[in-house]
Protein backbone atom coordinates (compact mmCIF):
# COMPACT_ATOMS: atom_id res chain seq x y z
CA MET A 1 -109.03 -0.49 -133.28
CA PHE A 2 -106.26 1.85 -132.17
CA GLU A 3 -104.53 -0.57 -129.84
CA LEU A 4 -101.64 -0.79 -132.29
CA LEU A 5 -100.66 2.76 -131.24
CA ASP A 6 -99.82 1.40 -127.80
CA TYR A 7 -96.79 -0.35 -129.25
CA PRO A 8 -93.69 1.77 -129.95
CA PHE A 9 -92.68 -0.34 -132.96
CA MET A 10 -96.07 0.29 -134.59
CA GLN A 11 -95.84 3.99 -133.85
CA ARG A 12 -92.52 4.01 -135.69
CA ALA A 13 -93.92 1.88 -138.51
CA LEU A 14 -96.95 4.13 -139.07
CA LEU A 15 -94.81 7.26 -138.99
CA SER A 16 -92.49 5.65 -141.53
CA ALA A 17 -95.45 4.70 -143.71
CA LEU A 18 -96.79 8.26 -143.59
CA LEU A 19 -93.44 9.74 -144.63
CA ILE A 20 -92.96 7.13 -147.35
CA GLY A 21 -96.45 7.80 -148.69
CA LEU A 22 -95.55 11.47 -149.00
CA ALA A 23 -92.09 11.09 -150.50
CA ALA A 24 -92.43 8.20 -152.96
CA PRO A 25 -95.14 9.65 -155.27
CA ALA A 26 -93.54 13.10 -155.06
CA VAL A 27 -90.48 11.66 -156.81
CA GLY A 28 -92.39 9.12 -158.86
CA ILE A 29 -94.37 11.73 -160.77
CA TYR A 30 -91.16 12.96 -162.40
CA LEU A 31 -89.96 9.45 -163.20
CA VAL A 32 -93.31 8.58 -164.78
CA GLN A 33 -93.25 11.79 -166.79
CA ARG A 34 -89.85 10.97 -168.29
CA ARG A 35 -90.76 7.29 -168.80
CA GLN A 36 -88.31 5.95 -166.21
CA ALA A 37 -90.86 4.18 -164.06
CA LEU A 38 -88.51 1.25 -163.41
CA MET A 39 -85.63 3.42 -162.22
CA GLY A 40 -86.65 2.79 -158.61
CA ASP A 41 -86.14 -0.94 -159.14
CA GLY A 42 -82.62 -0.43 -160.41
CA ILE A 43 -81.74 1.88 -157.53
CA GLY A 44 -83.26 -0.61 -155.10
CA HIS A 45 -80.93 -3.33 -156.30
CA VAL A 46 -77.93 -1.02 -155.90
CA ALA A 47 -79.13 -0.06 -152.41
CA LEU A 48 -78.89 -3.73 -151.51
CA THR A 49 -75.13 -3.46 -151.94
CA GLY A 50 -75.15 -0.50 -149.57
CA VAL A 51 -77.11 -2.46 -146.98
CA ALA A 52 -74.62 -5.32 -147.22
CA LEU A 53 -71.71 -2.88 -146.84
CA GLY A 54 -73.36 -1.54 -143.71
CA PHE A 55 -73.30 -5.01 -142.18
CA LEU A 56 -69.73 -5.60 -143.34
CA LEU A 57 -68.44 -2.30 -141.91
CA SER A 58 -70.69 -2.41 -138.82
CA THR A 59 -72.34 0.91 -139.71
CA ASN A 60 -75.97 1.96 -140.15
CA PRO A 61 -77.23 0.10 -143.25
CA VAL A 62 -79.71 2.87 -144.10
CA TRP A 63 -77.11 5.62 -144.40
CA MET A 64 -74.71 3.32 -146.23
CA ALA A 65 -77.51 2.43 -148.64
CA VAL A 66 -78.12 6.15 -149.24
CA VAL A 67 -74.50 6.71 -150.24
CA VAL A 68 -74.20 3.65 -152.48
CA SER A 69 -77.60 4.06 -154.18
CA ALA A 70 -76.91 7.77 -154.80
CA ILE A 71 -73.62 6.86 -156.51
CA GLY A 72 -75.40 4.24 -158.59
CA ALA A 73 -78.18 6.63 -159.58
CA VAL A 74 -75.68 9.31 -160.61
CA ALA A 75 -73.71 6.77 -162.65
CA MET A 76 -76.88 5.68 -164.41
CA GLU A 77 -77.87 9.26 -165.22
CA LEU A 78 -74.41 10.08 -166.55
CA LEU A 79 -74.47 7.00 -168.78
CA ARG A 80 -77.94 7.90 -170.04
CA SER A 81 -77.12 11.52 -170.81
CA SER A 82 -73.70 10.85 -172.36
CA GLY A 83 -75.12 8.49 -174.96
CA ARG A 84 -72.37 5.95 -174.35
CA ALA A 85 -74.90 3.38 -173.25
CA ARG A 86 -78.63 3.27 -173.64
CA GLY A 87 -80.77 3.87 -170.58
CA ASP A 88 -82.07 0.32 -170.50
CA VAL A 89 -78.51 -1.07 -170.57
CA ALA A 90 -77.51 1.15 -167.64
CA LEU A 91 -80.63 0.06 -165.79
CA ALA A 92 -79.79 -3.61 -166.39
CA MET A 93 -76.31 -3.09 -164.97
CA LEU A 94 -77.83 -1.54 -161.86
CA PHE A 95 -80.21 -4.46 -161.49
CA TYR A 96 -77.75 -7.29 -161.75
CA GLY A 97 -74.60 -5.67 -160.41
CA GLY A 98 -76.38 -4.30 -157.35
CA MET A 99 -78.03 -7.58 -156.48
CA ALA A 100 -74.88 -9.64 -157.03
CA GLY A 101 -72.76 -7.20 -155.05
CA GLY A 102 -75.17 -7.25 -152.13
CA VAL A 103 -75.28 -11.04 -151.95
CA MET A 104 -71.49 -11.33 -152.23
CA ILE A 105 -70.71 -8.67 -149.62
CA ILE A 106 -73.25 -9.86 -147.04
CA ASN A 107 -71.60 -13.28 -147.07
CA LEU A 108 -68.25 -11.66 -146.34
CA ALA A 109 -69.62 -9.87 -143.27
CA PRO A 110 -69.05 -11.43 -139.83
CA ASN A 111 -71.98 -13.78 -139.13
CA GLY A 112 -73.57 -12.44 -142.31
CA SER A 113 -75.96 -14.33 -144.56
CA THR A 114 -78.63 -13.52 -147.11
CA ALA A 115 -81.18 -13.89 -144.29
CA ASN A 116 -79.96 -10.52 -142.98
CA LEU A 117 -81.25 -8.88 -146.16
CA THR A 118 -84.79 -10.25 -145.99
CA SER A 119 -86.34 -7.37 -144.06
CA TYR A 120 -84.71 -4.87 -146.45
CA LEU A 121 -85.88 -6.73 -149.54
CA TRP A 122 -89.52 -7.11 -148.52
CA GLY A 123 -89.97 -4.68 -145.62
CA SER A 124 -90.79 -5.40 -141.99
CA VAL A 125 -92.77 -3.22 -139.60
CA THR A 126 -91.10 -4.78 -136.55
CA THR A 127 -87.57 -3.81 -137.58
CA VAL A 128 -87.97 -0.02 -137.87
CA SER A 129 -85.66 1.25 -135.13
CA PRO A 130 -85.47 4.74 -133.56
CA ASP A 131 -82.28 5.36 -135.57
CA ASP A 132 -84.14 4.38 -138.74
CA ILE A 133 -86.89 6.86 -137.92
CA VAL A 134 -84.37 9.68 -137.64
CA ALA A 135 -82.88 8.76 -141.01
CA ILE A 136 -86.30 8.43 -142.63
CA MET A 137 -87.46 11.81 -141.30
CA ILE A 138 -84.33 13.59 -142.51
CA LEU A 139 -84.35 11.97 -145.94
CA SER A 140 -88.10 12.47 -146.42
CA ALA A 141 -87.79 16.15 -145.58
CA LEU A 142 -84.97 16.57 -148.11
CA VAL A 143 -86.91 14.68 -150.80
CA LEU A 144 -90.03 16.79 -150.33
CA LEU A 145 -87.96 19.98 -150.24
CA VAL A 146 -86.42 19.17 -153.62
CA CYS A 147 -89.58 17.81 -155.28
CA LEU A 148 -91.84 20.65 -154.16
CA GLY A 149 -89.36 23.50 -154.05
CA LEU A 150 -88.02 22.81 -157.55
CA ARG A 151 -91.21 21.43 -159.06
CA ARG A 152 -91.34 23.98 -161.90
CA GLN A 153 -87.74 23.37 -162.93
CA LEU A 154 -87.98 19.59 -162.62
CA PHE A 155 -91.24 19.55 -164.55
CA ALA A 156 -89.65 21.55 -167.38
CA VAL A 157 -86.64 19.24 -167.57
CA CYS A 158 -88.75 16.06 -167.50
CA GLN A 159 -91.17 17.45 -170.09
CA ASP A 160 -88.62 18.62 -172.66
CA GLU A 161 -84.88 18.67 -171.91
CA GLU A 162 -83.95 20.60 -175.03
CA PHE A 163 -86.46 23.37 -174.37
CA ALA A 164 -85.36 23.55 -170.72
CA ARG A 165 -81.75 23.88 -171.84
CA VAL A 166 -82.62 26.68 -174.25
CA THR A 167 -84.38 28.60 -171.46
CA GLY A 168 -81.19 28.50 -169.41
CA LEU A 169 -82.03 25.82 -166.85
CA PRO A 170 -79.10 23.71 -165.55
CA VAL A 171 -80.44 20.49 -167.08
CA ARG A 172 -77.50 18.25 -166.11
CA THR A 173 -77.56 19.43 -162.50
CA LEU A 174 -81.33 18.99 -162.22
CA ASN A 175 -81.16 15.50 -163.72
CA LEU A 176 -78.46 14.47 -161.26
CA LEU A 177 -80.40 16.01 -158.40
CA LEU A 178 -83.50 14.05 -159.40
CA ALA A 179 -81.45 10.84 -159.56
CA VAL A 180 -80.05 11.40 -156.06
CA THR A 181 -83.52 12.26 -154.77
CA ALA A 182 -84.88 9.03 -156.21
CA ALA A 183 -82.06 7.14 -154.49
CA ALA A 184 -82.91 8.78 -151.16
CA THR A 185 -86.57 7.86 -151.64
CA VAL A 186 -85.73 4.20 -152.23
CA THR A 187 -83.73 4.02 -149.01
CA VAL A 188 -86.48 5.82 -147.12
CA ALA A 189 -89.03 3.22 -148.19
CA MET A 190 -86.99 0.05 -147.90
CA ARG A 191 -87.70 -0.55 -144.20
CA VAL A 192 -91.48 -0.75 -144.66
CA VAL A 193 -92.15 -1.47 -148.34
CA GLY A 194 -88.92 -3.29 -149.20
CA LEU A 195 -86.35 -2.67 -151.92
CA LEU A 196 -88.02 -5.00 -154.39
CA LEU A 197 -91.42 -3.30 -154.14
CA VAL A 198 -90.59 0.36 -153.54
CA SER A 199 -90.83 1.27 -157.23
CA ALA A 200 -94.51 0.30 -157.19
CA LEU A 201 -95.24 2.90 -154.51
CA MET A 202 -93.40 5.52 -156.56
CA VAL A 203 -95.38 4.77 -159.72
CA ILE A 204 -98.85 3.32 -159.05
CA PRO A 205 -100.27 6.26 -157.03
CA VAL A 206 -99.09 8.61 -159.78
CA VAL A 207 -100.68 6.55 -162.56
CA ALA A 208 -103.89 6.29 -160.53
CA ALA A 209 -103.98 10.06 -160.03
CA GLN A 210 -103.49 10.62 -163.76
CA GLN A 211 -106.76 8.82 -164.42
CA VAL A 212 -108.82 11.60 -162.83
CA SER A 213 -106.65 14.72 -162.93
CA ARG A 214 -105.18 16.73 -165.78
CA GLY A 215 -102.89 19.43 -164.38
CA PHE A 216 -99.47 18.68 -162.90
CA ALA A 217 -100.21 20.26 -159.50
CA ALA A 218 -103.50 18.40 -159.11
CA THR A 219 -101.90 15.11 -160.14
CA LEU A 220 -99.05 15.59 -157.67
CA ALA A 221 -101.40 16.40 -154.79
CA LEU A 222 -103.70 13.47 -155.56
CA ALA A 223 -100.80 11.05 -156.03
CA VAL A 224 -99.34 12.01 -152.65
CA GLY A 225 -102.77 11.54 -151.07
CA PHE A 226 -103.08 8.09 -152.64
CA GLY A 227 -99.57 7.23 -151.47
CA VAL A 228 -100.31 8.15 -147.87
CA LEU A 229 -103.61 6.27 -147.97
CA VAL A 230 -102.21 2.96 -149.21
CA SER A 231 -99.05 3.18 -147.08
CA VAL A 232 -100.85 3.76 -143.78
CA ALA A 233 -103.71 1.39 -144.63
CA GLY A 234 -101.30 -1.32 -145.75
CA THR A 235 -99.17 -1.04 -142.63
CA THR A 236 -102.27 -1.17 -140.41
CA THR A 237 -103.65 -4.15 -142.30
CA SER A 238 -100.35 -5.99 -142.04
CA TYR A 239 -100.46 -5.65 -138.25
CA TYR A 240 -103.97 -7.04 -137.83
CA ALA A 241 -103.78 -9.68 -140.58
CA ASP A 242 -100.18 -10.69 -139.82
CA VAL A 243 -99.13 -10.36 -143.46
CA PRO A 244 -96.06 -8.70 -145.07
CA PRO A 245 -96.44 -4.91 -145.11
CA GLY A 246 -94.70 -4.30 -148.43
CA ALA A 247 -96.85 -6.74 -150.36
CA THR A 248 -99.99 -5.45 -148.63
CA ILE A 249 -99.20 -1.84 -149.54
CA VAL A 250 -98.51 -2.67 -153.17
CA LEU A 251 -101.65 -4.81 -153.55
CA LEU A 252 -103.74 -2.02 -152.01
CA ALA A 253 -102.16 0.44 -154.45
CA ILE A 254 -103.03 -1.81 -157.39
CA GLY A 255 -106.58 -2.22 -156.08
CA LEU A 256 -106.89 1.55 -155.74
CA PHE A 257 -105.64 2.02 -159.29
CA ALA A 258 -108.23 -0.47 -160.57
CA LEU A 259 -111.00 1.26 -158.63
CA VAL A 260 -110.02 4.75 -159.79
CA SER A 261 -109.71 3.55 -163.39
CA LEU A 262 -113.20 2.04 -163.22
CA LEU A 263 -114.73 5.16 -161.70
CA SER A 264 -112.96 7.43 -164.18
CA LEU A 265 -114.41 5.73 -167.28
CA PRO A 266 -117.48 8.03 -167.45
CA LEU A 267 -115.21 11.04 -167.03
CA ALA A 268 -112.95 9.81 -169.83
CA ARG A 269 -115.93 9.34 -172.12
CA ARG A 270 -117.19 12.85 -171.39
CA ARG A 271 -113.75 14.29 -172.10
CA SER A 272 -113.56 12.34 -175.36
CA ARG A 273 -117.00 13.58 -176.47
CA HIS A 274 -116.12 17.14 -175.50
CA ALA A 275 -112.86 16.99 -177.46
CA ALA A 276 -114.66 15.58 -180.50
CA GLU A 277 -117.34 18.27 -180.30
CA THR A 278 -114.71 20.99 -179.99
CA ALA A 279 -112.87 19.63 -183.01
CA ARG A 280 -116.09 19.63 -185.06
CA GLN A 281 -116.89 23.21 -184.05
CA GLU A 282 -113.42 24.37 -185.03
CA ALA A 283 -113.58 22.54 -188.34
CA ALA A 284 -117.04 23.87 -189.26
CA PRO A 285 -115.99 27.43 -190.30
CA VAL A 286 -113.16 26.03 -192.43
CA THR A 287 -115.51 23.63 -194.19
CA ALA A 288 -118.09 26.38 -194.74
CA GLY A 289 -115.47 28.70 -196.19
CA ARG A 290 -114.29 26.11 -198.69
CA SER A 291 -117.84 25.42 -199.83
């Protein structure tokens, strides 16, 4: 069962999956809260341009993707907040411009072709190198530091920007920081999950956790637990079943969401009955007074 740990590439893959499972939902909970669940997709397309630039300039594609995707995420946030373009228009520009730029640049690289991008688009456990592990560890630590260390401030900004601004929080700075953090998360996950599927790992564990938890802290903790579970289980399954890791992780996440939703139905009914009973009890004195 544990023979996969005898192989260095699987040790690196499982460590990457663990870190991705921690980081992706930690960022995703803020994106879901502000209804930007598809932001990871847009950043992923921009990161593709960074990967292609890495091949063209003969540098580490991961670090180049971090730089380019961070610039794209900041540009998107500035467009959204300035009101000069709607958020969905900015997201569309990230989608199409990032993908087109990546395909164009990779074909300009020496011996480059779109085949070089396959492992970054869909993930590959066999291509996680020692250098990638270093980058993933550093970026994951920074992501978790921001998401957990500034959780109160980020929660306030994502919940109500105007109220956060009135209380004196640096809303613009926090929004830009969240955008850069999301960009770092996308590049962290692209080696295992793939750029085209990373957004699912940022969103689905969070939505699953929301089915059974009510408070922000509990939802965050449960979402991170779900993320680690599906990431490690998906990577392990991909080794034994010889299937793509990114697709396996996402399908497991969807299956987990379906299972949690099914199991949470009785809880939802009890909550609904309790809320209705509370409303009736509060309305009773008012009705009695009028009569």
